[in-house]
Amino acid sequence: HAGSGPKVLEPWLVGLTAVVVFLFIVFIVLIANRFWNLRMRRWAGAGSRGCPGVGTGLSPGTAQPLSP
């Protein structure tokens, strides 16, 4: 059998695969970080009802000033 040896990928295909795997890992880390922050925000906001900016998706310091 002439074609039954180990397959060798082209160098550009190895690089492309590495980039895709890296981006997938970054995507998973960002999703995990988003869920972790959401969980911590809910946990921190459970005891402080009525605080401005809690549960609105705004970061601290990004709340808009009240209009007169």
Protein backbone atom coordinates (compact mmCIF):
# COMPACT_ATOMS: atom_id res chain seq x y z
CA HIS A 1 0.00 0.00 0.00
CA ALA A 2 1.69 3.13 -1.19
CA GLY A 3 -0.61 5.70 0.45
CA SER A 4 -0.98 4.12 3.89
CA GLY A 5 1.88 6.02 5.57
CA PRO A 6 1.48 8.82 8.11
CA LYS A 7 -0.11 12.00 6.79
CA VAL A 8 2.02 15.15 6.82
CA LEU A 9 0.14 18.43 6.79
CA GLU A 10 1.28 21.42 4.79
CA PRO A 11 3.05 24.07 6.92
CA TRP A 12 0.40 26.69 6.18
CA LEU A 13 -2.30 24.25 7.29
CA VAL A 14 -0.47 23.61 10.56
CA GLY A 15 -0.27 27.37 11.16
CA LEU A 16 -3.92 27.88 10.29
CA THR A 17 -4.92 25.07 12.65
CA ALA A 18 -2.85 26.62 15.44
CA VAL A 19 -4.50 30.01 14.94
CA VAL A 20 -8.00 28.51 14.91
CA VAL A 21 -7.33 26.51 18.09
CA PHE A 22 -5.86 29.59 19.80
CA LEU A 23 -8.89 31.72 18.88
CA PHE A 24 -11.22 28.99 20.12
CA ILE A 25 -9.41 28.89 23.48
CA VAL A 26 -9.60 32.69 23.75
CA PHE A 27 -13.33 32.53 22.95
CA ILE A 28 -13.93 29.94 25.68
CA VAL A 29 -11.96 32.01 28.22
CA LEU A 30 -13.93 35.17 27.35
CA ILE A 31 -17.26 33.34 27.70
CA ALA A 32 -16.18 31.87 31.06
CA ASN A 33 -15.06 35.31 32.24
CA ARG A 34 -18.39 36.84 31.21
CA PHE A 35 -20.38 34.21 33.13
CA TRP A 36 -18.06 34.54 36.14
CA ASN A 37 -18.50 38.33 36.25
CA LEU A 38 -22.27 37.97 35.83
CA ARG A 39 -22.36 35.51 38.72
CA MET A 40 -20.23 37.75 40.94
CA ARG A 41 -22.36 40.79 40.08
CA ARG A 42 -25.55 38.92 41.02
CA TRP A 43 -23.93 37.62 44.19
CA ALA A 44 -22.69 41.09 45.21
CA GLY A 45 -26.00 42.74 44.33
CA ALA A 46 -28.13 40.26 46.29
CA GLY A 47 -27.68 42.12 49.57
CA SER A 48 -27.77 45.67 48.18
CA ARG A 49 -31.15 46.20 46.55
CA GLY A 50 -31.80 49.61 45.06
CA CYS A 51 -28.20 50.56 44.39
CA PRO A 52 -27.83 52.57 41.17
CA GLY A 53 -25.99 50.78 38.44
CA VAL A 54 -26.42 47.29 39.90
CA GLY A 55 -27.92 44.94 37.37
CA THR A 56 -27.95 47.55 34.61
CA GLY A 57 -24.82 46.27 32.88
CA LEU A 58 -22.95 49.51 33.61
CA SER A 59 -19.46 49.43 34.98
CA PRO A 60 -18.74 51.49 38.09
CA GLY A 61 -18.19 55.08 37.13
CA THR A 62 -20.13 54.88 33.86
CA ALA A 63 -23.54 55.83 35.26
CA GLN A 64 -25.07 58.91 33.67
CA PRO A 65 -25.56 61.98 35.90
CA LEU A 66 -29.09 62.77 36.99
CA SER A 67 -30.79 65.54 35.04
CA PRO A 68 -31.91 68.57 37.06
